[in-house]
Protein backbone atom coordinates (compact mmCIF):
# COMPACT_ATOMS: atom_id res chain seq x y z
CA UNK A 1 0.00 0.00 0.00
CA UNK A 2 1.41 3.39 -1.01
CA UNK A 3 1.82 6.03 1.67
CA UNK A 4 -0.15 9.23 1.25
CA UNK A 5 2.00 12.33 0.84
CA UNK A 6 0.84 14.97 3.30
CA UNK A 7 0.86 18.59 2.20
CA UNK A 8 0.99 21.93 3.94
CA UNK A 9 -1.67 24.54 3.19
CA UNK A 10 0.91 26.51 1.17
CA UNK A 11 1.70 23.45 -0.98
CA UNK A 12 -2.00 22.70 -1.38
CA UNK A 13 -2.81 26.25 -2.50
CA UNK A 14 -0.01 26.06 -5.10
CA UNK A 15 -1.57 23.01 -6.81
CA UNK A 16 -3.11 23.66 -10.24
CA UNK A 17 -6.89 23.67 -10.53
CA UNK A 18 -8.47 20.40 -11.62
CA UNK A 19 -11.44 20.24 -14.01
CA UNK A 20 -14.07 17.56 -14.65
CA UNK A 21 -15.11 16.39 -18.12
CA UNK A 22 -17.58 19.31 -18.38
CA UNK A 23 -15.00 21.98 -17.58
CA UNK A 24 -16.20 22.55 -13.98
CA UNK A 25 -13.58 23.13 -11.30
CA UNK A 26 -13.24 20.11 -9.00
CA UNK A 27 -13.16 21.29 -5.39
CA UNK A 28 -10.73 19.91 -2.84
CA UNK A 29 -10.03 20.51 0.82
CA UNK A 30 -6.87 19.86 2.78
CA UNK A 31 -7.75 17.94 5.94
CA UNK A 32 -4.85 17.13 8.27
CA UNK A 33 -2.48 17.43 5.31
CA UNK A 34 -4.49 15.07 3.08
CA UNK A 35 -6.14 16.30 -0.13
CA UNK A 36 -9.81 15.30 -0.08
CA UNK A 37 -12.03 15.65 -3.18
CA UNK A 38 -15.41 17.25 -2.65
CA UNK A 39 -18.07 15.96 -5.05
CA UNK A 40 -20.51 18.45 -6.55
CA UNK A 41 -23.38 19.06 -4.16
CA UNK A 42 -26.77 17.51 -4.80
CA UNK A 43 -29.76 19.80 -5.30
CA UNK A 44 -31.11 19.03 -1.79
CA UNK A 45 -27.77 20.04 -0.29
CA UNK A 46 -27.86 23.35 -2.16
CA UNK A 47 -31.45 24.06 -1.06
CA UNK A 48 -30.58 23.44 2.59
CA UNK A 49 -27.50 25.65 2.31
CA UNK A 50 -29.65 28.34 0.67
CA UNK A 51 -32.23 28.15 3.48
CA UNK A 52 -29.51 28.61 6.09
CA UNK A 53 -27.96 31.53 4.21
CA UNK A 54 -31.40 33.15 3.82
CA UNK A 55 -32.11 32.92 7.56
CA UNK A 56 -28.69 34.34 8.39
CA UNK A 57 -28.95 37.15 5.83
CA UNK A 58 -32.38 38.25 7.10
CA UNK A 59 -30.96 38.37 10.63
CA UNK A 60 -27.79 40.20 9.57
CA UNK A 61 -29.78 42.75 7.56
CA UNK A 62 -31.54 43.85 10.74
CA UNK A 63 -28.38 43.57 12.87
CA UNK A 64 -25.84 45.42 10.75
CA UNK A 65 -23.96 46.56 13.85
CA UNK A 66 -22.55 43.05 14.25
CA UNK A 67 -20.41 43.67 11.14
CA UNK A 68 -20.70 40.07 9.97
CA UNK A 69 -21.18 38.73 6.45
CA UNK A 70 -22.74 35.37 5.52
CA UNK A 71 -20.90 33.63 2.67
CA UNK A 72 -21.20 30.30 0.85
CA UNK A 73 -18.28 28.12 -0.27
CA UNK A 74 -15.43 30.38 0.84
CA UNK A 75 -11.91 28.96 1.14
CA UNK A 76 -10.17 29.33 4.52
CA UNK A 77 -6.60 28.47 5.45
CA UNK A 78 -7.41 27.25 8.95
CA UNK A 79 -3.96 25.99 9.95
CA UNK A 80 -0.67 24.82 8.46
CA UNK A 81 -2.21 21.55 7.22
CA UNK A 82 -5.91 22.49 6.97
CA UNK A 83 -7.63 24.41 4.19
CA UNK A 84 -11.44 24.08 4.29
CA UNK A 85 -14.42 25.31 2.31
CA UNK A 86 -17.42 25.40 4.65
CA UNK A 87 -20.83 25.25 2.98
CA UNK A 88 -21.78 28.50 4.75
CA UNK A 89 -19.96 30.75 7.14
CA UNK A 90 -20.12 34.01 9.00
CA UNK A 91 -17.05 36.19 8.91
CA UNK A 92 -16.26 39.60 10.34
CA UNK A 93 -16.47 42.17 7.56
CA UNK A 94 -13.11 43.66 8.54
CA UNK A 95 -11.45 40.32 7.70
CA UNK A 96 -12.60 40.47 4.07
CA UNK A 97 -10.12 41.72 1.48
CA UNK A 98 -11.45 40.52 -1.89
CA UNK A 99 -8.70 42.26 -3.84
CA UNK A 100 -5.85 40.50 -2.08
CA UNK A 101 -6.44 36.74 -1.88
CA UNK A 102 -8.60 33.92 -3.13
CA UNK A 103 -8.71 32.55 0.42
CA UNK A 104 -9.05 33.88 3.98
CA UNK A 105 -6.48 33.24 6.70
CA UNK A 106 -7.86 31.72 9.92
CA UNK A 107 -11.18 30.13 10.74
CA UNK A 108 -14.53 31.82 10.12
CA UNK A 109 -16.39 33.15 13.15
CA UNK A 110 -19.12 30.56 12.45
CA UNK A 111 -18.56 27.55 10.18
CA UNK A 112 -21.53 25.58 8.84
CA UNK A 113 -21.12 22.20 7.18
CA UNK A 114 -24.07 20.48 5.47
CA UNK A 115 -23.20 16.80 5.58
CA UNK A 116 -23.08 14.94 2.26
CA UNK A 117 -23.43 11.14 2.04
CA UNK A 118 -19.78 10.91 0.95
CA UNK A 119 -18.36 12.76 4.00
CA UNK A 120 -16.73 10.65 6.67
CA UNK A 121 -17.40 11.11 10.37
CA UNK A 122 -13.65 11.23 10.98
CA UNK A 123 -13.15 14.17 8.61
CA UNK A 124 -16.12 16.04 10.10
CA UNK A 125 -14.66 15.59 13.58
CA UNK A 126 -11.20 16.74 12.47
CA UNK A 127 -12.68 19.78 10.72
CA UNK A 128 -14.88 20.72 13.69
CA UNK A 129 -11.95 20.53 16.10
CA UNK A 130 -9.72 22.52 13.73
CA UNK A 131 -12.34 25.26 13.29
CA UNK A 132 -12.76 25.66 17.05
CA UNK A 133 -9.03 25.45 17.82
CA UNK A 134 -8.27 28.15 15.25
CA UNK A 135 -10.80 30.85 16.06
CA UNK A 136 -14.35 29.79 15.21
CA UNK A 137 -16.85 30.71 17.93
CA UNK A 138 -19.08 27.83 16.88
CA UNK A 139 -19.60 25.17 14.24
CA UNK A 140 -22.96 23.92 12.99
CA UNK A 141 -22.98 20.43 11.47
CA UNK A 142 -26.23 19.98 9.54
CA UNK A 143 -27.46 16.42 8.96
CA UNK A 144 -30.06 16.31 6.14
CA UNK A 145 -30.77 12.58 6.55
CA UNK A 146 -31.98 12.95 10.15
CA UNK A 147 -32.95 16.63 9.88
CA UNK A 148 -30.85 17.74 12.82
CA UNK A 149 -28.12 20.25 13.59
CA UNK A 150 -25.23 19.68 15.99
CA UNK A 151 -24.05 23.00 17.42
CA UNK A 152 -20.47 22.88 18.68
CA UNK A 153 -18.93 25.61 20.84
CA UNK A 154 -15.59 25.46 22.58
CA UNK A 155 -17.26 24.19 25.77
CA UNK A 156 -20.58 22.67 24.69
CA UNK A 157 -22.43 20.52 22.20
CA UNK A 158 -26.16 20.60 21.46
CA UNK A 159 -28.29 18.60 19.02
CA UNK A 160 -31.40 20.33 17.73
CA UNK A 161 -34.27 18.89 15.68
CA UNK A 162 -37.69 19.80 14.32
CA UNK A 163 -39.27 22.84 15.93
CA UNK A 164 -36.38 23.36 18.33
CA UNK A 165 -34.83 26.76 17.73
CA UNK A 166 -31.24 27.23 16.82
CA UNK A 167 -29.55 30.07 18.67
CA UNK A 168 -25.91 31.06 18.90
CA UNK A 169 -24.05 33.39 21.28
CA UNK A 170 -22.39 34.99 18.25
CA UNK A 171 -25.86 36.05 17.02
CA UNK A 172 -27.77 37.77 19.87
CA UNK A 173 -31.51 37.50 19.26
CA UNK A 174 -31.20 35.08 16.33
CA UNK A 175 -33.55 32.13 16.49
CA UNK A 176 -34.79 29.88 13.74
CA UNK A 177 -36.59 26.53 13.93
CA UNK A 178 -34.26 23.82 12.69
CA UNK A 179 -37.08 22.46 10.49
CA UNK A 180 -36.88 25.65 8.39
CA UNK A 181 -33.42 24.63 7.20
CA UNK A 182 -34.82 21.46 5.64
CA UNK A 183 -37.82 22.91 3.75
CA UNK A 184 -37.34 21.80 0.15
CA UNK A 185 -39.99 23.98 -1.52
């Protein structure tokens, strides 16, 4: 069995882009130094991500003083061997510099991962720990199959389902029923 060559984030970011047979960029993440391919999201995944972004954007529109921006699919260099693309994130506006880099240094303030069938539990755990260890206030792991959200903070873990409301200390006054994330129409 061949050994996997581990990369640093700098080496990973220097790799050339890869394209599929239709000319679409193939996305990859660097997880613990290992390059992991990310398949194109299914329509249900995109709808759920859109629902989450909509809820966050409505909240942020009425709470502009928080100076946060909700973004989809943004590349973050989390650590020396970790470069992730969360499905959604919240980032402080003063950390954005679109003219300078394709990626953002450090973890987002809030990272949100919508779990795909191809994602391993081990990678999700590694990513969650890396986000929290490198500056994220919280991480939401969204499980479409069981319609639940695991909310990780540095010192707590909560699972929310159905009509339970998701709240987050980063977002004072924000509350949204978890079921709203999974509405497909």
